[in-house]
């Protein structure tokens, strides 16, 4: 086996192993219910509407005064 053939097969093998590991990590990540659909069962907040209505938006700092 020539040196270039060995390097090409080593590169291909490394690429396949990295893709398999990344695929398994993605599947494990998406297996958690909270990661698969993060807004499922939660109401989406409209922070701009809260600020326009004069209410302080939760989890935000109050507007700074000049």
N, C-alpha and C. Protein backbone atom coordinates (compact mmCIF):
# COMPACT_ATOMS: atom_id res chain seq x y z
N UNK A 1 0.85 -1.17 0.00
CA UNK A 1 0.00 0.00 0.00
C UNK A 1 0.90 1.24 0.00
N UNK A 2 0.61 2.13 -0.92
CA UNK A 2 1.40 3.35 -1.01
C UNK A 2 1.02 4.28 0.12
N UNK A 3 1.95 5.21 0.40
CA UNK A 3 1.72 6.14 1.50
C UNK A 3 0.50 7.04 1.24
N UNK A 4 0.29 7.44 -0.01
CA UNK A 4 -0.86 8.30 -0.32
C UNK A 4 -2.18 7.54 -0.16
N UNK A 5 -2.17 6.25 -0.50
CA UNK A 5 -3.38 5.44 -0.31
C UNK A 5 -3.71 5.30 1.17
N UNK A 6 -2.67 5.13 1.98
CA UNK A 6 -2.88 5.00 3.41
C UNK A 6 -3.44 6.29 4.00
N UNK A 7 -2.91 7.43 3.58
CA UNK A 7 -3.40 8.71 4.10
C UNK A 7 -4.83 8.97 3.66
N UNK A 8 -5.19 8.61 2.45
CA UNK A 8 -6.55 8.81 1.97
C UNK A 8 -7.53 7.95 2.76
N UNK A 9 -7.18 6.70 3.00
CA UNK A 9 -8.08 5.84 3.76
C UNK A 9 -8.16 6.28 5.22
N UNK A 10 -7.08 6.78 5.78
CA UNK A 10 -7.09 7.28 7.15
C UNK A 10 -7.98 8.52 7.25
N UNK A 11 -7.89 9.41 6.28
CA UNK A 11 -8.75 10.60 6.27
C UNK A 11 -10.22 10.23 6.16
N UNK A 12 -10.53 9.31 5.30
CA UNK A 12 -11.92 8.88 5.12
C UNK A 12 -12.45 8.20 6.38
N UNK A 13 -11.65 7.35 6.98
CA UNK A 13 -12.05 6.67 8.21
C UNK A 13 -12.30 7.68 9.33
N UNK A 14 -11.42 8.66 9.46
CA UNK A 14 -11.58 9.69 10.49
C UNK A 14 -12.86 10.48 10.25
N UNK A 15 -13.14 10.84 9.01
CA UNK A 15 -14.35 11.58 8.69
C UNK A 15 -15.61 10.78 9.04
N UNK A 16 -15.62 9.51 8.71
CA UNK A 16 -16.77 8.66 9.01
C UNK A 16 -16.96 8.54 10.52
N UNK A 17 -15.90 8.36 11.26
CA UNK A 17 -16.00 8.22 12.72
C UNK A 17 -16.52 9.51 13.34
N UNK A 18 -16.03 10.66 12.88
CA UNK A 18 -16.49 11.95 13.42
C UNK A 18 -17.96 12.16 13.11
N UNK A 19 -18.41 11.82 11.91
CA UNK A 19 -19.82 11.98 11.55
C UNK A 19 -20.72 11.06 12.37
N UNK A 20 -20.27 9.85 12.63
CA UNK A 20 -21.06 8.93 13.45
C UNK A 20 -21.16 9.44 14.89
N UNK A 21 -20.06 9.92 15.44
CA UNK A 21 -20.08 10.46 16.81
C UNK A 21 -20.98 11.69 16.88
N UNK A 22 -20.91 12.57 15.88
CA UNK A 22 -21.76 13.77 15.87
C UNK A 22 -23.23 13.38 15.74
N UNK A 23 -23.54 12.38 14.94
CA UNK A 23 -24.93 11.92 14.81
C UNK A 23 -25.47 11.33 16.10
N UNK A 24 -24.66 10.54 16.79
CA UNK A 24 -25.08 9.96 18.06
C UNK A 24 -25.28 11.07 19.10
N UNK A 25 -24.39 12.06 19.12
CA UNK A 25 -24.53 13.17 20.07
C UNK A 25 -25.80 13.97 19.78
N UNK A 26 -26.11 14.18 18.52
CA UNK A 26 -27.33 14.90 18.16
C UNK A 26 -28.58 14.12 18.58
N UNK A 27 -28.57 12.82 18.35
CA UNK A 27 -29.72 12.00 18.76
C UNK A 27 -29.90 12.01 20.27
N UNK A 28 -28.81 11.93 21.02
CA UNK A 28 -28.92 11.98 22.48
C UNK A 28 -29.42 13.35 22.94
N UNK A 29 -28.99 14.40 22.27
CA UNK A 29 -29.42 15.75 22.62
C UNK A 29 -30.91 15.91 22.35
N UNK A 30 -31.39 15.45 21.20
CA UNK A 30 -32.80 15.61 20.85
C UNK A 30 -33.72 14.64 21.59
N UNK A 31 -33.16 13.64 22.23
CA UNK A 31 -33.97 12.69 22.98
C UNK A 31 -34.62 13.33 24.19
N UNK A 32 -33.95 14.33 24.75
CA UNK A 32 -34.56 15.05 25.87
C UNK A 32 -35.74 15.84 25.34
N UNK A 33 -36.86 15.70 26.00
CA UNK A 33 -38.09 16.34 25.55
C UNK A 33 -37.94 17.85 25.49
N UNK A 34 -37.24 18.44 26.43
CA UNK A 34 -37.10 19.90 26.45
C UNK A 34 -36.24 20.41 25.31
N UNK A 35 -35.35 19.60 24.77
CA UNK A 35 -34.51 20.04 23.66
C UNK A 35 -35.17 19.82 22.31
N UNK A 36 -36.07 18.86 22.21
CA UNK A 36 -36.68 18.54 20.92
C UNK A 36 -37.62 19.66 20.47
N UNK A 37 -38.47 20.13 21.38
CA UNK A 37 -39.41 21.22 21.06
C UNK A 37 -39.43 22.16 22.25
N UNK A 38 -38.54 23.15 22.28
CA UNK A 38 -38.39 23.97 23.48
C UNK A 38 -39.60 24.81 23.85
N UNK A 39 -40.48 25.14 22.91
CA UNK A 39 -41.63 25.97 23.23
C UNK A 39 -42.91 25.17 23.42
N UNK A 40 -42.82 23.86 23.38
CA UNK A 40 -44.01 23.03 23.52
C UNK A 40 -44.57 23.17 24.94
N UNK A 41 -45.83 23.53 25.03
CA UNK A 41 -46.47 23.67 26.32
C UNK A 41 -46.18 25.00 27.00
N UNK A 42 -45.47 25.88 26.35
CA UNK A 42 -45.16 27.19 26.92
C UNK A 42 -45.73 28.27 26.03
N UNK A 43 -46.14 29.34 26.66
CA UNK A 43 -46.65 30.46 25.90
C UNK A 43 -45.49 31.36 25.49
N UNK A 44 -45.46 31.72 24.25
CA UNK A 44 -44.40 32.60 23.77
C UNK A 44 -44.67 34.02 24.25
N UNK A 45 -43.63 34.65 24.76
CA UNK A 45 -43.80 36.00 25.30
C UNK A 45 -43.56 37.03 24.20
N UNK A 46 -44.34 38.08 24.24
CA UNK A 46 -44.14 39.21 23.34
C UNK A 46 -43.67 40.38 24.19
N UNK A 47 -42.37 40.52 24.31
CA UNK A 47 -41.78 41.53 25.18
C UNK A 47 -42.11 42.93 24.68
N UNK A 48 -42.13 43.12 23.38
CA UNK A 48 -42.42 44.44 22.82
C UNK A 48 -43.83 44.88 23.19
N UNK A 49 -44.79 43.97 23.18
CA UNK A 49 -46.16 44.32 23.55
C UNK A 49 -46.23 44.70 25.02
N UNK A 50 -45.48 44.01 25.87
CA UNK A 50 -45.44 44.36 27.29
C UNK A 50 -44.87 45.76 27.49
N UNK A 51 -43.80 46.06 26.80
CA UNK A 51 -43.18 47.38 26.94
C UNK A 51 -44.09 48.48 26.39
N UNK A 52 -44.77 48.21 25.29
CA UNK A 52 -45.69 49.21 24.72
C UNK A 52 -46.87 49.47 25.65
N UNK A 53 -47.29 48.44 26.39
CA UNK A 53 -48.41 48.59 27.30
C UNK A 53 -47.98 49.24 28.62
N UNK A 54 -46.71 49.51 28.79
CA UNK A 54 -46.23 50.16 30.01
C UNK A 54 -45.88 49.20 31.11
N UNK A 55 -45.94 47.88 30.84
CA UNK A 55 -45.58 46.89 31.84
C UNK A 55 -44.11 46.55 31.70
N UNK A 56 -43.48 46.24 32.80
CA UNK A 56 -42.10 45.78 32.74
C UNK A 56 -42.08 44.35 32.23
N UNK A 57 -41.25 44.12 31.29
CA UNK A 57 -41.13 42.78 30.74
C UNK A 57 -40.39 41.90 31.75
N UNK A 58 -40.86 40.68 31.99
CA UNK A 58 -40.16 39.81 32.93
C UNK A 58 -38.77 39.46 32.42
N UNK A 59 -37.87 39.29 33.33
CA UNK A 59 -36.49 38.90 33.03
C UNK A 59 -35.72 39.97 32.25
N UNK A 60 -36.16 41.21 32.32
CA UNK A 60 -35.45 42.29 31.65
C UNK A 60 -35.25 43.43 32.63
N UNK A 61 -34.22 44.18 32.41
CA UNK A 61 -33.96 45.34 33.26
C UNK A 61 -34.96 46.44 32.97
N UNK A 62 -35.29 47.23 33.97
CA UNK A 62 -36.20 48.35 33.71
C UNK A 62 -35.53 49.36 32.79
N UNK A 63 -36.32 50.15 32.05
CA UNK A 63 -35.71 51.12 31.15
C UNK A 63 -34.89 52.15 31.94
N UNK A 64 -33.76 52.48 31.38
CA UNK A 64 -32.88 53.44 32.07
C UNK A 64 -33.45 54.85 31.91
N UNK A 65 -33.29 55.63 32.96
CA UNK A 65 -33.80 57.00 32.94
C UNK A 65 -32.66 57.95 32.62
N UNK A 66 -32.93 58.96 31.77
CA UNK A 66 -31.84 59.87 31.37
C UNK A 66 -31.39 60.79 32.47
